[in-house]
C-alpha atoms as a PDB file:
ATOM      1  CA  MET A   1      27.406   7.943  -8.359  1.00  0.00           C
ATOM      2  CA  ARG A   2      27.645   4.424  -6.945  1.00  0.00           C
ATOM      3  CA  VAL A   3      25.032   2.574  -8.902  1.00  0.00           C
ATOM      4  CA  CYS A   4      25.106  -0.532  -6.693  1.00  0.00           C
ATOM      5  CA  LEU A   5      24.285   1.600  -3.661  1.00  0.00           C
ATOM      6  CA  ALA A   6      21.446   3.351  -5.390  1.00  0.00           C
ATOM      7  CA  ALA A   7      20.067   0.002  -6.469  1.00  0.00           C
ATOM      8  CA  GLN A   8      20.282  -1.298  -2.894  1.00  0.00           C
ATOM      9  CA  VAL A   9      18.624   1.779  -1.466  1.00  0.00           C
ATOM     10  CA  LEU A  10      15.858   1.863  -4.136  1.00  0.00           C
ATOM     11  CA  SER A  11      15.033  -1.862  -3.874  1.00  0.00           C
ATOM     12  CA  SER A  12      11.962  -3.810  -3.069  1.00  0.00           C
ATOM     13  CA  SER A  13      13.295  -4.875   0.297  1.00  0.00           C
ATOM     14  CA  VAL A  14      13.676  -1.360   1.506  1.00  0.00           C
ATOM     15  CA  GLU A  15       9.997  -0.643   0.124  1.00  0.00           C
ATOM     16  CA  ASP A  16       8.890  -3.810   2.051  1.00  0.00           C
ATOM     17  CA  ALA A  17      10.578  -2.381   5.284  1.00  0.00           C
ATOM     18  CA  LEU A  18       8.765   0.940   4.860  1.00  0.00           C
ATOM     19  CA  THR A  19       5.450  -0.808   4.267  1.00  0.00           C
ATOM     20  CA  LEU A  20       6.028  -2.741   7.627  1.00  0.00           C
ATOM     21  CA  LEU A  21       6.184   0.706   9.365  1.00  0.00           C
ATOM     22  CA  ASP A  22       2.730   1.490   7.765  1.00  0.00           C
ATOM     23  CA  GLU A  23       3.177   5.150   8.152  1.00  0.00           C
ATOM     24  CA  VAL A  24       1.277   7.421   5.756  1.00  0.00           C
ATOM     25  CA  GLU A  25       4.236   9.714   5.383  1.00  0.00           C
ATOM     26  CA  THR A  26       6.082   6.915   3.555  1.00  0.00           C
ATOM     27  CA  THR A  27       3.477   6.354   0.901  1.00  0.00           C
ATOM     28  CA  GLU A  28       4.965   8.391  -1.873  1.00  0.00           C
ATOM     29  CA  THR A  29       8.572   7.221  -0.887  1.00  0.00           C
ATOM     30  CA  ARG A  30       7.441   3.619  -1.252  1.00  0.00           C
ATOM     31  CA  LYS A  31       5.908   4.296  -4.629  1.00  0.00           C
ATOM     32  CA  LEU A  32       9.038   5.979  -5.908  1.00  0.00           C
ATOM     33  CA  ILE A  33      11.193   3.054  -4.589  1.00  0.00           C
ATOM     34  CA  ARG A  34       8.851   0.511  -6.103  1.00  0.00           C
ATOM     35  CA  LEU A  35       9.022   2.159  -9.525  1.00  0.00           C
ATOM     36  CA  MET A  36      12.865   2.693  -9.342  1.00  0.00           C
ATOM     37  CA  ASP A  37      13.284  -1.012  -8.385  1.00  0.00           C
ATOM     38  CA  LYS A  38      11.256  -2.062 -11.407  1.00  0.00           C
ATOM     39  CA  PHE A  39      13.045   0.438 -13.629  1.00  0.00           C
ATOM     40  CA  PHE A  40      16.559  -1.051 -12.507  1.00  0.00           C
ATOM     41  CA  ASP A  41      15.155  -4.623 -13.277  1.00  0.00           C
ATOM     42  CA  CYS A  42      13.936  -3.530 -16.807  1.00  0.00           C
ATOM     43  CA  LEU A  43      17.461  -2.139 -17.544  1.00  0.00           C
ATOM     44  CA  ASN A  44      19.319  -5.149 -16.068  1.00  0.00           C
ATOM     45  CA  VAL A  45      18.086  -8.036 -18.108  1.00  0.00           C
ATOM     46  CA  ARG A  46      21.275 -10.037 -18.326  1.00  0.00           C
ATOM     47  CA  ASN A  47      20.335 -13.437 -19.837  1.00  0.00           C
ATOM     48  CA  THR A  48      17.367 -15.435 -21.242  1.00  0.00           C
ATOM     49  CA  PHE A  49      16.528 -17.346 -18.194  1.00  0.00           C
ATOM     50  CA  HIS A  50      17.135 -14.957 -15.087  1.00  0.00           C
ATOM     51  CA  GLY A  51      13.543 -13.803 -15.163  1.00  0.00           C
ATOM     52  CA  THR A  52      12.312 -17.390 -14.954  1.00  0.00           C
ATOM     53  CA  THR A  53      14.811 -18.637 -12.338  1.00  0.00           C
ATOM     54  CA  THR A  54      14.219 -15.617 -10.110  1.00  0.00           C
ATOM     55  CA  ARG A  55      10.445 -15.309 -10.742  1.00  0.00           C
ATOM     56  CA  TYR A  56      10.998 -11.539 -11.445  1.00  0.00           C
ATOM     57  CA  GLU A  57       8.760 -10.866 -14.524  1.00  0.00           C
ATOM     58  CA  ASN A  58      10.947  -7.619 -15.230  1.00  0.00           C
ATOM     59  CA  LEU A  59      14.009  -9.647 -15.735  1.00  0.00           C
ATOM     60  CA  HIS A  60      12.749 -11.491 -18.850  1.00  0.00           C
ATOM     61  CA  PRO A  61      14.336 -10.509 -22.155  1.00  0.00           C
ATOM     62  CA  TYR A  62      12.580  -8.142 -24.465  1.00  0.00           C
ATOM     63  CA  THR A  63      11.082 -10.260 -27.245  1.00  0.00           C
ATOM     64  CA  LYS A  64       8.216  -8.254 -28.819  1.00  0.00           C
ATOM     65  CA  CYS A  65       8.299  -4.661 -30.277  1.00  0.00           C
ATOM     66  CA  ASN A  66       5.218  -3.997 -28.066  1.00  0.00           C
ATOM     67  CA  ASP A  67       6.507  -5.514 -24.956  1.00  0.00           C
ATOM     68  CA  GLU A  68       4.578  -4.723 -21.760  1.00  0.00           C
ATOM     69  CA  GLN A  69       7.826  -3.627 -20.039  1.00  0.00           C
ATOM     70  CA  LEU A  70       8.494  -1.097 -22.692  1.00  0.00           C
ATOM     71  CA  LYS A  71       4.835   0.267 -22.368  1.00  0.00           C
ATOM     72  CA  TRP A  72       5.255   0.450 -18.537  1.00  0.00           C
ATOM     73  CA  LEU A  73       8.601   2.376 -18.964  1.00  0.00           C
ATOM     74  CA  LYS A  74       7.066   4.992 -21.286  1.00  0.00           C
ATOM     75  CA  GLU A  75       3.557   5.352 -19.696  1.00  0.00           C
ATOM     76  CA  THR A  76       3.801   4.376 -15.961  1.00  0.00           C
ATOM     77  CA  PHE A  77       7.413   5.253 -15.165  1.00  0.00           C
ATOM     78  CA  LEU A  78       7.900   8.334 -17.111  1.00  0.00           C
ATOM     79  CA  GLY A  79       4.186   9.318 -16.355  1.00  0.00           C
ATOM     80  CA  TYR A  80       5.003   9.337 -12.522  1.00  0.00           C
ATOM     81  CA  PHE A  81       7.708  11.929 -13.073  1.00  0.00           C
ATOM     82  CA  ASP A  82       5.361  14.054 -15.252  1.00  0.00           C
ATOM     83  CA  GLU A  83       2.753  14.036 -12.585  1.00  0.00           C
ATOM     84  CA  TRP A  84       5.320  14.785  -9.839  1.00  0.00           C
ATOM     85  CA  GLU A  85       6.561  17.784 -11.963  1.00  0.00           C
ATOM     86  CA  LYS A  86       2.821  19.079 -12.365  1.00  0.00           C
ATOM     87  CA  GLU A  87       2.178  18.789  -8.664  1.00  0.00           C
ATOM     88  CA  MET A  88       5.325  20.846  -7.922  1.00  0.00           C
ATOM     89  CA  LYS A  89       4.246  23.443 -10.399  1.00  0.00           C
ATOM     90  CA  SER A  90       0.719  23.581  -9.125  1.00  0.00           C
ATOM     91  CA  LEU A  91       1.806  24.558  -5.499  1.00  0.00           C
ATOM     92  CA  PRO A  92       0.319  27.927  -4.774  1.00  0.00           C
ATOM     93  CA  ALA A  93       2.863  30.698  -4.703  1.00  0.00           C
ATOM     94  CA  GLY A  94       4.255  31.518  -1.185  1.00  0.00           C
ATOM     95  CA  THR A  95       3.255  28.200   0.309  1.00  0.00           C
ATOM     96  CA  VAL A  96       6.804  26.895   0.234  1.00  0.00           C
ATOM     97  CA  THR A  97      10.259  28.448  -0.282  1.00  0.00           C
ATOM     98  CA  LYS A  98      12.307  27.932  -3.324  1.00  0.00           C
ATOM     99  CA  LYS A  99      14.706  25.828  -1.267  1.00  0.00           C
ATOM    100  CA  GLU A 100      11.852  23.736   0.166  1.00  0.00           C
ATOM    101  CA  LYS A 101      10.400  23.217  -3.265  1.00  0.00           C
ATOM    102  CA  ALA A 102      13.846  22.044  -4.512  1.00  0.00           C
ATOM    103  CA  ALA A 103      14.037  19.608  -1.664  1.00  0.00           C
ATOM    104  CA  MET A 104      10.656  18.111  -2.640  1.00  0.00           C
ATOM    105  CA  LYS A 105      11.713  16.867  -5.968  1.00  0.00           C
ATOM    106  CA  LEU A 106      14.460  15.255  -7.888  1.00  0.00           C
ATOM    107  CA  SER A 107      16.918  17.462  -9.656  1.00  0.00           C
ATOM    108  CA  LYS A 108      16.317  18.566 -13.195  1.00  0.00           C
ATOM    109  CA  GLU A 109      19.375  16.667 -14.423  1.00  0.00           C
ATOM    110  CA  THR A 110      18.275  13.446 -12.734  1.00  0.00           C
ATOM    111  CA  VAL A 111      14.816  13.430 -14.241  1.00  0.00           C
ATOM    112  CA  GLU A 112      16.285  14.333 -17.592  1.00  0.00           C
ATOM    113  CA  GLY A 113      18.723  11.466 -17.379  1.00  0.00           C
ATOM    114  CA  LEU A 114      15.979   9.068 -16.506  1.00  0.00           C
ATOM    115  CA  ARG A 115      13.876  10.418 -19.475  1.00  0.00           C
ATOM    116  CA  ILE A 116      16.740   9.993 -21.939  1.00  0.00           C
ATOM    117  CA  THR A 117      17.713   6.519 -20.703  1.00  0.00           C
ATOM    118  CA  THR A 118      14.063   5.396 -20.831  1.00  0.00           C
ATOM    119  CA  MET A 119      13.248   7.020 -24.184  1.00  0.00           C
ATOM    120  CA  SER A 120      16.405   5.594 -25.758  1.00  0.00           C
ATOM    121  CA  LEU A 121      15.697   2.088 -24.604  1.00  0.00           C
ATOM    122  CA  THR A 122      11.974   2.088 -25.419  1.00  0.00           C
ATOM    123  CA  GLU A 123      12.707   3.505 -28.910  1.00  0.00           C
ATOM    124  CA  LEU A 124      15.759   1.290 -29.693  1.00  0.00           C
ATOM    125  CA  ILE A 125      14.351  -2.041 -28.666  1.00  0.00           C
ATOM    126  CA  PRO A 126      11.494  -2.179 -31.202  1.00  0.00           C
ATOM    127  CA  ILE A 127      13.869  -1.136 -33.864  1.00  0.00           C
ATOM    128  CA  LEU A 128      16.302  -3.927 -33.057  1.00  0.00           C
ATOM    129  CA  LEU A 129      13.546  -6.575 -32.624  1.00  0.00           C
ATOM    130  CA  SER A 130      12.088  -5.673 -36.052  1.00  0.00           C
ATOM    131  CA  ASP A 131      15.059  -7.362 -37.622  1.00  0.00           C
ATOM    132  CA  ASP A 132      14.167 -11.044 -38.255  1.00  0.00           C
ATOM    133  CA  ASP A 133      17.601 -12.193 -37.025  1.00  0.00           C
ATOM    134  CA  CYS A 134      17.060 -10.557 -33.608  1.00  0.00           C
ATOM    135  CA  LYS A 135      15.007 -12.956 -31.267  1.00  0.00           C
ATOM    136  CA  TYR A 136      15.416 -11.029 -28.058  1.00  0.00           C
ATOM    137  CA  ILE A 137      17.160  -8.078 -26.365  1.00  0.00           C
ATOM    138  CA  LEU A 138      19.041  -8.299 -23.059  1.00  0.00           C
ATOM    139  CA  SER A 139      18.940  -4.647 -21.896  1.00  0.00           C
ATOM    140  CA  GLU A 140      22.071  -4.926 -19.717  1.00  0.00           C
ATOM    141  CA  VAL A 141      24.188  -4.650 -22.849  1.00  0.00           C
ATOM    142  CA  PHE A 142      23.240  -1.058 -23.036  1.00  0.00           C
ATOM    143  CA  SER A 143      24.514  -0.428 -19.561  1.00  0.00           C
ATOM    144  CA  GLN A 144      27.336   2.061 -18.660  1.00  0.00           C
ATOM    145  CA  ASP A 145      28.188   0.227 -15.505  1.00  0.00           C
ATOM    146  CA  PRO A 146      31.502  -1.135 -16.763  1.00  0.00           C
ATOM    147  CA  LEU A 147      32.669   2.369 -17.479  1.00  0.00           C
ATOM    148  CA  GLU A 148      31.498   3.599 -14.010  1.00  0.00           C
ATOM    149  CA  ILE A 149      33.363   0.797 -12.287  1.00  0.00           C
ATOM    150  CA  ASN A 150      36.514   1.429 -14.244  1.00  0.00           C
ATOM    151  CA  PHE A 151      36.486   5.382 -13.964  1.00  0.00           C
ATOM    152  CA  SER A 152      34.852   5.879 -10.549  1.00  0.00           C
END
């Protein structure tokens, strides 16, 4: 997967463009894009000042065990996928085909990958920050992007 392309497609600028269209059919797509954009920001904190200079609050380093970004990742971000999954399961039998249902959601592997990544980060950061010598965490250091660039 080309991570940089996914980050461009699932960005706030694309969400803004869809918002300009103001079509009700894009409501859930815009919501997903907004969530994914914030998710990418939360995972790509690269230095201590980037959040301040860009004015993106999600690019600030993690400094507290109970950081709001961690709470958002666990509750809002993962909660969105839980709700989506419940909606798909609650569709009455026979209203859509299996193929149509599969097209209406992310693959099981994609959702599982998002869950593993999110839970790993939200569990690891508080552990690291509980050490008195650790003042902040830059989430980009956990990225596999260098491996993907090298081997893709």
